[in-house]
PDB file of N, CA and C in Angstrom:
ATOM      1  N   UNK A   1      90.545 110.541  88.189  1.00  0.00           N
ATOM      2  CA  UNK A   1      91.190 109.152  87.551  1.00  0.00           C
ATOM      3  C   UNK A   1      90.475 109.004  86.325  1.00  0.00           C
ATOM      4  N   UNK A   2      91.417 108.111  85.448  1.00  0.00           N
ATOM      5  CA  UNK A   2      91.178 107.480  84.287  1.00  0.00           C
ATOM      6  C   UNK A   2      91.086 105.831  84.391  1.00  0.00           C
ATOM      7  N   UNK A   3      89.934 105.759  83.931  1.00  0.00           N
ATOM      8  CA  UNK A   3      89.354 104.259  83.377  1.00  0.00           C
ATOM      9  C   UNK A   3      90.017 103.427  82.045  1.00  0.00           C
ATOM     10  N   UNK A   4      90.917 102.643  82.027  1.00  0.00           N
ATOM     11  CA  UNK A   4      91.342 102.242  80.862  1.00  0.00           C
ATOM     12  C   UNK A   4      90.521 101.326  80.528  1.00  0.00           C
ATOM     13  N   UNK A   5      89.802 100.432  80.972  1.00  0.00           N
ATOM     14  CA  UNK A   5      88.489  99.787  80.812  1.00  0.00           C
ATOM     15  C   UNK A   5      87.869 100.871  79.408  1.00  0.00           C
ATOM     16  N   UNK A   6      86.867 101.726  79.920  1.00  0.00           N
ATOM     17  CA  UNK A   6      85.956 102.407  79.103  1.00  0.00           C
ATOM     18  C   UNK A   6      86.500 103.939  78.551  1.00  0.00           C
ATOM     19  N   UNK A   7      87.740 104.132  79.159  1.00  0.00           N
ATOM     20  CA  UNK A   7      88.289 105.239  78.372  1.00  0.00           C
ATOM     21  C   UNK A   7      87.829 106.695  78.556  1.00  0.00           C
ATOM     22  N   UNK A   8      87.340 106.797  79.929  1.00  0.00           N
ATOM     23  CA  UNK A   8      86.623 107.947  80.315  1.00  0.00           C
ATOM     24  C   UNK A   8      87.415 108.455  81.473  1.00  0.00           C
ATOM     25  N   UNK A   9      87.287 109.770  81.925  1.00  0.00           N
ATOM     26  CA  UNK A   9      87.622 110.139  82.801  1.00  0.00           C
ATOM     27  C   UNK A   9      86.428 110.504  83.777  1.00  0.00           C
ATOM     28  N   UNK A  10      86.788 109.884  85.130  1.00  0.00           N
ATOM     29  CA  UNK A  10      85.856 109.641  86.156  1.00  0.00           C
ATOM     30  C   UNK A  10      86.110 110.507  87.664  1.00  0.00           C
ATOM     31  N   UNK A  11      85.233 110.497  88.045  1.00  0.00           N
ATOM     32  CA  UNK A  11      85.762 110.753  89.612  1.00  0.00           C
ATOM     33  C   UNK A  11      85.432 109.601  90.327  1.00  0.00           C
ATOM     34  N   UNK A  12      86.211 109.006  91.384  1.00  0.00           N
ATOM     35  CA  UNK A  12      85.884 108.236  92.444  1.00  0.00           C
ATOM     36  C   UNK A  12      85.786 108.562  93.687  1.00  0.00           C
ATOM     37  N   UNK A  13      85.159 107.728  94.185  1.00  0.00           N
ATOM     38  CA  UNK A  13      84.806 107.680  95.683  1.00  0.00           C
ATOM     39  C   UNK A  13      85.113 106.821  96.614  1.00  0.00           C
ATOM     40  N   UNK A  14      85.158 106.444  97.992  1.00  0.00           N
ATOM     41  CA  UNK A  14      85.129 105.852  98.194  1.00  0.00           C
ATOM     42  C   UNK A  14      84.022 104.871  98.504  1.00  0.00           C
ATOM     43  N   UNK A  15      84.092 103.612  98.707  1.00  0.00           N
ATOM     44  CA  UNK A  15      82.885 103.104  99.054  1.00  0.00           C
ATOM     45  C   UNK A  15      82.202 102.853 100.344  1.00  0.00           C
ATOM     46  N   UNK A  16      81.183 102.855 100.661  1.00  0.00           N
ATOM     47  CA  UNK A  16      80.466 102.760 101.476  1.00  0.00           C
ATOM     48  C   UNK A  16      80.319 104.086 102.402  1.00  0.00           C
ATOM     49  N   UNK A  17      80.201 104.322 103.510  1.00  0.00           N
ATOM     50  CA  UNK A  17      79.816 105.404 104.702  1.00  0.00           C
ATOM     51  C   UNK A  17      80.841 105.421 105.580  1.00  0.00           C
ATOM     52  N   UNK A  18      80.921 106.785 105.736  1.00  0.00           N
ATOM     53  CA  UNK A  18      82.130 107.442 106.409  1.00  0.00           C
ATOM     54  C   UNK A  18      81.873 107.446 107.679  1.00  0.00           C
ATOM     55  N   UNK A  19      80.781 107.377 108.039  1.00  0.00           N
ATOM     56  CA  UNK A  19      79.924 107.352 109.722  1.00  0.00           C
ATOM     57  C   UNK A  19      80.642 106.054 110.001  1.00  0.00           C
ATOM     58  N   UNK A  20      80.210 105.132 109.269  1.00  0.00           N
ATOM     59  CA  UNK A  20      80.536 104.053 110.208  1.00  0.00           C
ATOM     60  C   UNK A  20      81.986 103.794 110.848  1.00  0.00           C
ATOM     61  N   UNK A  21      82.751 104.509 109.647  1.00  0.00           N
ATOM     62  CA  UNK A  21      84.071 103.954 109.806  1.00  0.00           C
ATOM     63  C   UNK A  21      84.684 105.143 111.013  1.00  0.00           C
ATOM     64  N   UNK A  22      84.090 106.204 111.349  1.00  0.00           N
ATOM     65  CA  UNK A  22      84.134 106.767 111.987  1.00  0.00           C
ATOM     66  C   UNK A  22      83.784 106.079 113.745  1.00  0.00           C
ATOM     67  N   UNK A  23      82.497 105.555 113.571  1.00  0.00           N
ATOM     68  CA  UNK A  23      82.201 105.162 115.061  1.00  0.00           C
ATOM     69  C   UNK A  23      83.037 103.996 115.134  1.00  0.00           C
ATOM     70  N   UNK A  24      83.445 103.143 114.131  1.00  0.00           N
ATOM     71  CA  UNK A  24      84.404 102.016 114.408  1.00  0.00           C
ATOM     72  C   UNK A  24      85.619 102.677 115.408  1.00  0.00           C
ATOM     73  N   UNK A  25      86.423 103.978 114.676  1.00  0.00           N
ATOM     74  CA  UNK A  25      87.493 104.205 115.059  1.00  0.00           C
ATOM     75  C   UNK A  25      87.357 104.269 116.543  1.00  0.00           C
ATOM     76  N   UNK A  26      85.704 105.637 116.801  1.00  0.00           N
ATOM     77  CA  UNK A  26      86.179 105.971 118.138  1.00  0.00           C
ATOM     78  C   UNK A  26      86.030 104.716 119.034  1.00  0.00           C
ATOM     79  N   UNK A  27      85.020 103.602 118.655  1.00  0.00           N
ATOM     80  CA  UNK A  27      84.981 102.757 119.582  1.00  0.00           C
ATOM     81  C   UNK A  27      85.573 101.612 119.766  1.00  0.00           C
ATOM     82  N   UNK A  28      86.044 100.994 118.663  1.00  0.00           N
ATOM     83  CA  UNK A  28      86.918 100.032 118.487  1.00  0.00           C
ATOM     84  C   UNK A  28      88.120 100.051 117.449  1.00  0.00           C
ATOM     85  N   UNK A  29      89.168 100.376 117.686  1.00  0.00           N
ATOM     86  CA  UNK A  29      90.596 100.943 117.190  1.00  0.00           C
ATOM     87  C   UNK A  29      90.850  99.557 116.050  1.00  0.00           C
ATOM     88  N   UNK A  30      91.200  98.422 116.585  1.00  0.00           N
ATOM     89  CA  UNK A  30      91.294  96.931 115.362  1.00  0.00           C
ATOM     90  C   UNK A  30      90.313  97.429 114.438  1.00  0.00           C
ATOM     91  N   UNK A  31      89.388  97.327 114.442  1.00  0.00           N
ATOM     92  CA  UNK A  31      87.986  97.104 113.329  1.00  0.00           C
ATOM     93  C   UNK A  31      87.956  98.526 112.619  1.00  0.00           C
ATOM     94  N   UNK A  32      88.234  99.300 113.093  1.00  0.00           N
ATOM     95  CA  UNK A  32      88.313 100.686 112.443  1.00  0.00           C
ATOM     96  C   UNK A  32      89.082 100.411 111.182  1.00  0.00           C
ATOM     97  N   UNK A  33      90.551 100.268 111.846  1.00  0.00           N
ATOM     98  CA  UNK A  33      91.514 100.247 111.209  1.00  0.00           C
ATOM     99  C   UNK A  33      91.129  98.945 109.723  1.00  0.00           C
ATOM    100  N   UNK A  34      90.747  98.101 109.646  1.00  0.00           N
ATOM    101  CA  UNK A  34      90.460  97.094 109.031  1.00  0.00           C
ATOM    102  C   UNK A  34      89.072  97.326 108.409  1.00  0.00           C
ATOM    103  N   UNK A  35      88.357  98.237 108.708  1.00  0.00           N
ATOM    104  CA  UNK A  35      87.202  98.779 107.717  1.00  0.00           C
ATOM    105  C   UNK A  35      87.786  99.965 106.978  1.00  0.00           C
ATOM    106  N   UNK A  36      88.871 100.908 107.350  1.00  0.00           N
ATOM    107  CA  UNK A  36      89.421 101.785 106.935  1.00  0.00           C
ATOM    108  C   UNK A  36      90.081 101.237 105.583  1.00  0.00           C
ATOM    109  N   UNK A  37      90.674  99.986 105.574  1.00  0.00           N
ATOM    110  CA  UNK A  37      91.196  99.541 104.585  1.00  0.00           C
ATOM    111  C   UNK A  37      90.909  99.059 103.535  1.00  0.00           C
ATOM    112  N   UNK A  38      89.463  98.297 104.079  1.00  0.00           N
ATOM    113  CA  UNK A  38      88.685  97.754 102.840  1.00  0.00           C
ATOM    114  C   UNK A  38      87.963  98.826 102.175  1.00  0.00           C
ATOM    115  N   UNK A  39      87.589 100.018 102.867  1.00  0.00           N
ATOM    116  CA  UNK A  39      86.967 100.931 102.255  1.00  0.00           C
ATOM    117  C   UNK A  39      87.664 101.799 101.340  1.00  0.00           C
ATOM    118  N   UNK A  40      88.779 101.955 101.432  1.00  0.00           N
ATOM    119  CA  UNK A  40      89.752 102.477 100.457  1.00  0.00           C
ATOM    120  C   UNK A  40      90.715 101.618  99.520  1.00  0.00           C
ATOM    121  N   UNK A  41      90.341 100.418  99.631  1.00  0.00           N
ATOM    122  CA  UNK A  41      91.018  99.550  98.546  1.00  0.00           C
ATOM    123  C   UNK A  41      90.630  99.492  97.320  1.00  0.00           C
ATOM    124  N   UNK A  42      89.112  99.431  97.430  1.00  0.00           N
ATOM    125  CA  UNK A  42      88.659  99.222  96.147  1.00  0.00           C
ATOM    126  C   UNK A  42      87.995 100.629  95.029  1.00  0.00           C
ATOM    127  N   UNK A  43      88.696 100.673  94.540  1.00  0.00           N
ATOM    128  CA  UNK A  43      88.095 101.691  93.248  1.00  0.00           C
ATOM    129  C   UNK A  43      87.687 101.309  92.223  1.00  0.00           C
ATOM    130  N   UNK A  44      86.336 101.712  92.160  1.00  0.00           N
ATOM    131  CA  UNK A  44      85.830 101.241  90.652  1.00  0.00           C
ATOM    132  C   UNK A  44      85.346 102.213  89.827  1.00  0.00           C
ATOM    133  N   UNK A  45      85.295 102.293  88.517  1.00  0.00           N
ATOM    134  CA  UNK A  45      84.817 103.221  87.496  1.00  0.00           C
ATOM    135  C   UNK A  45      83.395 103.406  87.925  1.00  0.00           C
ATOM    136  N   UNK A  46      82.403 104.117  88.131  1.00  0.00           N
ATOM    137  CA  UNK A  46      81.424 104.646  88.481  1.00  0.00           C
ATOM    138  C   UNK A  46      80.240 104.132  86.872  1.00  0.00           C
ATOM    139  N   UNK A  47      81.231 104.207  85.555  1.00  0.00           N
ATOM    140  CA  UNK A  47      80.401 104.179  84.503  1.00  0.00           C
ATOM    141  C   UNK A  47      80.384 102.560  84.376  1.00  0.00           C
ATOM    142  N   UNK A  48      81.574 101.941  84.223  1.00  0.00           N
ATOM    143  CA  UNK A  48      81.801 100.649  83.627  1.00  0.00           C
ATOM    144  C   UNK A  48      81.542  99.447  84.744  1.00  0.00           C
ATOM    145  N   UNK A  49      82.661  99.754  86.157  1.00  0.00           N
ATOM    146  CA  UNK A  49      82.531  98.753  86.870  1.00  0.00           C
ATOM    147  C   UNK A  49      84.190  98.564  87.130  1.00  0.00           C
ATOM    148  N   UNK A  50      84.870  98.798  85.705  1.00  0.00           N
ATOM    149  CA  UNK A  50      86.077  98.771  85.644  1.00  0.00           C
ATOM    150  C   UNK A  50      86.884  98.653  86.816  1.00  0.00           C
ATOM    151  N   UNK A  51      88.211  98.133  87.541  1.00  0.00           N
ATOM    152  CA  UNK A  51      88.710  98.628  88.416  1.00  0.00           C
ATOM    153  C   UNK A  51      90.490  98.922  87.930  1.00  0.00           C
ATOM    154  N   UNK A  52      90.671  99.009  86.982  1.00  0.00           N
ATOM    155  CA  UNK A  52      91.857  99.089  86.044  1.00  0.00           C
ATOM    156  C   UNK A  52      91.849 100.798  86.088  1.00  0.00           C
ATOM    157  N   UNK A  53      92.179 101.971  86.999  1.00  0.00           N
ATOM    158  CA  UNK A  53      92.294 103.160  87.241  1.00  0.00           C
ATOM    159  C   UNK A  53      93.434 103.527  87.398  1.00  0.00           C
ATOM    160  N   UNK A  54      93.648 104.918  86.812  1.00  0.00           N
ATOM    161  CA  UNK A  54      95.221 105.634  86.688  1.00  0.00           C
ATOM    162  C   UNK A  54      94.849 106.755  87.259  1.00  0.00           C
ATOM    163  N   UNK A  55      95.623 107.307  87.767  1.00  0.00           N
ATOM    164  CA  UNK A  55      95.586 108.594  87.967  1.00  0.00           C
ATOM    165  C   UNK A  55      95.386 109.669  86.811  1.00  0.00           C
ATOM    166  N   UNK A  56      94.585 110.841  86.605  1.00  0.00           N
ATOM    167  CA  UNK A  56      94.377 111.703  85.332  1.00  0.00           C
ATOM    168  C   UNK A  56      95.494 112.402  84.813  1.00  0.00           C
ATOM    169  N   UNK A  57      96.572 112.642  85.687  1.00  0.00           N
ATOM    170  CA  UNK A  57      97.611 113.638  85.175  1.00  0.00           C
ATOM    171  C   UNK A  57      98.972 112.627  84.843  1.00  0.00           C
ATOM    172  N   UNK A  58      98.738 111.148  84.791  1.00  0.00           N
ATOM    173  CA  UNK A  58      99.724 110.656  84.322  1.00  0.00           C
ATOM    174  C   UNK A  58     100.157 110.681  82.649  1.00  0.00           C
ATOM    175  N   UNK A  59     101.321 110.784  82.733  1.00  0.00           N
ATOM    176  CA  UNK A  59     102.043 110.623  81.079  1.00  0.00           C
ATOM    177  C   UNK A  59     100.743 109.760  80.198  1.00  0.00           C
ATOM    178  N   UNK A  60     100.654 108.634  80.309  1.00  0.00           N
ATOM    179  CA  UNK A  60     100.185 107.727  79.706  1.00  0.00           C
ATOM    180  C   UNK A  60      98.410 108.310  79.244  1.00  0.00           C
ATOM    181  N   UNK A  61      97.915 108.701  80.549  1.00  0.00           N
ATOM    182  CA  UNK A  61      96.451 109.259  80.209  1.00  0.00           C
ATOM    183  C   UNK A  61      96.853 110.280  79.059  1.00  0.00           C
ATOM    184  N   UNK A  62      97.768 111.498  79.567  1.00  0.00           N
ATOM    185  CA  UNK A  62      97.872 112.801  78.415  1.00  0.00           C
ATOM    186  C   UNK A  62      98.327 112.255  77.037  1.00  0.00           C
ATOM    187  N   UNK A  63      98.859 110.912  76.812  1.00  0.00           N
ATOM    188  CA  UNK A  63      98.978 110.404  75.724  1.00  0.00           C
ATOM    189  C   UNK A  63      97.968 109.822  74.904  1.00  0.00           C
ATOM    190  N   UNK A  64      97.045 109.002  75.579  1.00  0.00           N
ATOM    191  CA  UNK A  64      96.279 108.384  75.490  1.00  0.00           C
ATOM    192  C   UNK A  64      94.732 109.566  74.747  1.00  0.00           C
ATOM    193  N   UNK A  65      94.875 110.712  75.357  1.00  0.00           N
ATOM    194  CA  UNK A  65      93.995 111.920  75.109  1.00  0.00           C
ATOM    195  C   UNK A  65      94.099 112.432  74.068  1.00  0.00           C
ATOM    196  N   UNK A  66      95.419 112.546  73.423  1.00  0.00           N
ATOM    197  CA  UNK A  66      95.349 113.051  72.011  1.00  0.00           C
ATOM    198  C   UNK A  66      95.075 112.452  71.224  1.00  0.00           C
TER     199      UNK A  66
END
């Protein structure tokens, strides 16, 4: 992913723990769905905390990198 706030290529990860997500899915389906949606919705740049991330292979990123 490319952060438009700081201009760096970063590797993003979902927030929180996947184990909690698995437990919620195994035992309580509706909370598991809600937790999964929340966990995968908030991508942030690990360097600056910005949320304006775009895919690294986007034409706009390639233009900015030149």
